[in-house]
Amino acid sequence: MAGCEVSDAMAAVRAAVDALSACDLDLLDAPELVAALDDFETVSCQLPALGHRLLARLRTETTPQQMGAKSWREVLTVRWRLSTTEANRRLAEAEHLAPRQALTGPALPPLLQATAIAQAHGLITPEHVEIVRKSVRKLPGWVDTATRERFELDLVRMAVKAGPKELTDCANQLLLMIDQDGPEPTDVERARQRSVTVSPQGEDGMVDLRARLTPEAWATWEVILARLAAPGMCNPDDPVPCTSGTPSQEQIDNDHRSPAQRRHDAFIAAGRIVLMGGELGQLNGLPVSIIVRTTLQDLESHAGVGTTGGGTIVPIDDVVRMAAHANHYLAVFDRATGSALNLYRSKRVASPAQRIMLISRYGGCTKPGCTVGAYGSQVHHAAKDWAKGGNTNVDDLTLACGADNRAVDDDGGWSTRITEHHDTEWYPPEHLDTGQNRINYYHRVCHERGSEARCR
């Protein structure tokens, strides 16, 4: 179908939606409303199939870099304002449900052909599609193609007649029958399953850590925890915690922590030992260390929070306790303009003092939508690139993660500028410009639009 035909068909769909939205629904009785909802549900289930084809075709026609992005996920999140989770889901479904481009000859069928056909006819919902896709992914690697296709077909037949809960139960039963003994404990399988997952910080400030460790990884932590998580060791309730040597009998007797709490405190102690060892080198121009930014007012009042270079919110009492064994830096800004005072450099590479000032000011990557903290960010010449005569003055610099820093290119890529209030504005290339925000507010401790007070 030619491009004009696609445009005409899209226009017809939008016109039909407008006409349907203008209909008076008050005159419909219950059976008519149910019938209309049946049709609405069918069409809603069909539309993603077209989206998969469009997205798959786009990926053959161009690249994220040509569109001014570092990945297809970024194209979707920026152009259509999707969440990272939704963008990943659409990309994965397009990969499995859209026809595949062959090197020569006609297109190949989708990887999940039965699922794609059912979706194109509006017979299954997006929830059904997600369950089938994830269940097929759980099949062991030794399962042959015929068994894999039969497994998918059985699930699709069930999905046409059952809801998501029943489909999930059916999928789990089929998986158990196919692989009753579980996955073979090979080195390859163990390496595939290894993971450490960190949850977003909760409202209470806590972070969940889940791990699936290889025998080698656990053997390493096993001996560390045997030492540092022993009763009486690394107890924050002790006036002088024992972090080396042998704890006294009094420290052991007064240790009322659970084993899980002792392991938690051992993780803190092990982390401090590694950080104090000085063997980690540098991270984006600064020695690897915990960086926390806060205000003098919060420190004096023991109220408020601090923010680490990774974006973690830390209660001020914890900041004070951590600062007891740390070096302190004071970042001073001009009240009226937000300009940093007296940090200029004639070289291309920013100095450690400039990096600390930028971390204090920005807190992380300044590109809108990016949540990478200061630990993962580099110094970027935002006002004017060094190669084009820019200066390494702190008020001309900003923070950008590595991928976003490389995305800046005056010839068709992103561009940046520093405002009079020393915010960094990012201007997307034409393909990604939808009038979105130019400034990233994610890392701000507070930001009051239009107010004289500017909190950082």
Foldseek 3Di string as FASTA:
>chain_A
DDPVVVVVVVVVVVVVVVVVVPDDPPPDDDVVVVVVVVVVLLVQLQVLLVVLQVVQVVVVVDACLLQFALHQLVLCCQQVVDDSVVSVVSVVCSQQQYFADDPDDDTHGGNLNLLNVCSNRSQAHPLLVVLLVVLLVPADPVDDPVVSNVLSNVLSVVRSPDDNVVSNVVSVVVSCVRCVPDDDPDPVVLVVPWDWDWAPQDPVLDIDIDTDHDPVVCVVVVVLCVPQLQQQALDPVDPDHHPDDDGDPVSNVPRPDDSVVSSVSSVVSVVVVVLVVQPPQDQQQHRDDWDWADDPVCLVVQADWIATQAGRTGRSVVVVVVCVPHDDDDWDADLQQRHTPDQFDADQAGHPVLLSNQCNVPQAAWAAPDNGGSSQWHKAQQADHVVVPGTNGSLRIHIHGPRVRVSDDPPQHKHWHADSSSFIFIDGGPSSDPPDGRTHPSRFPDADPPDSGGGD
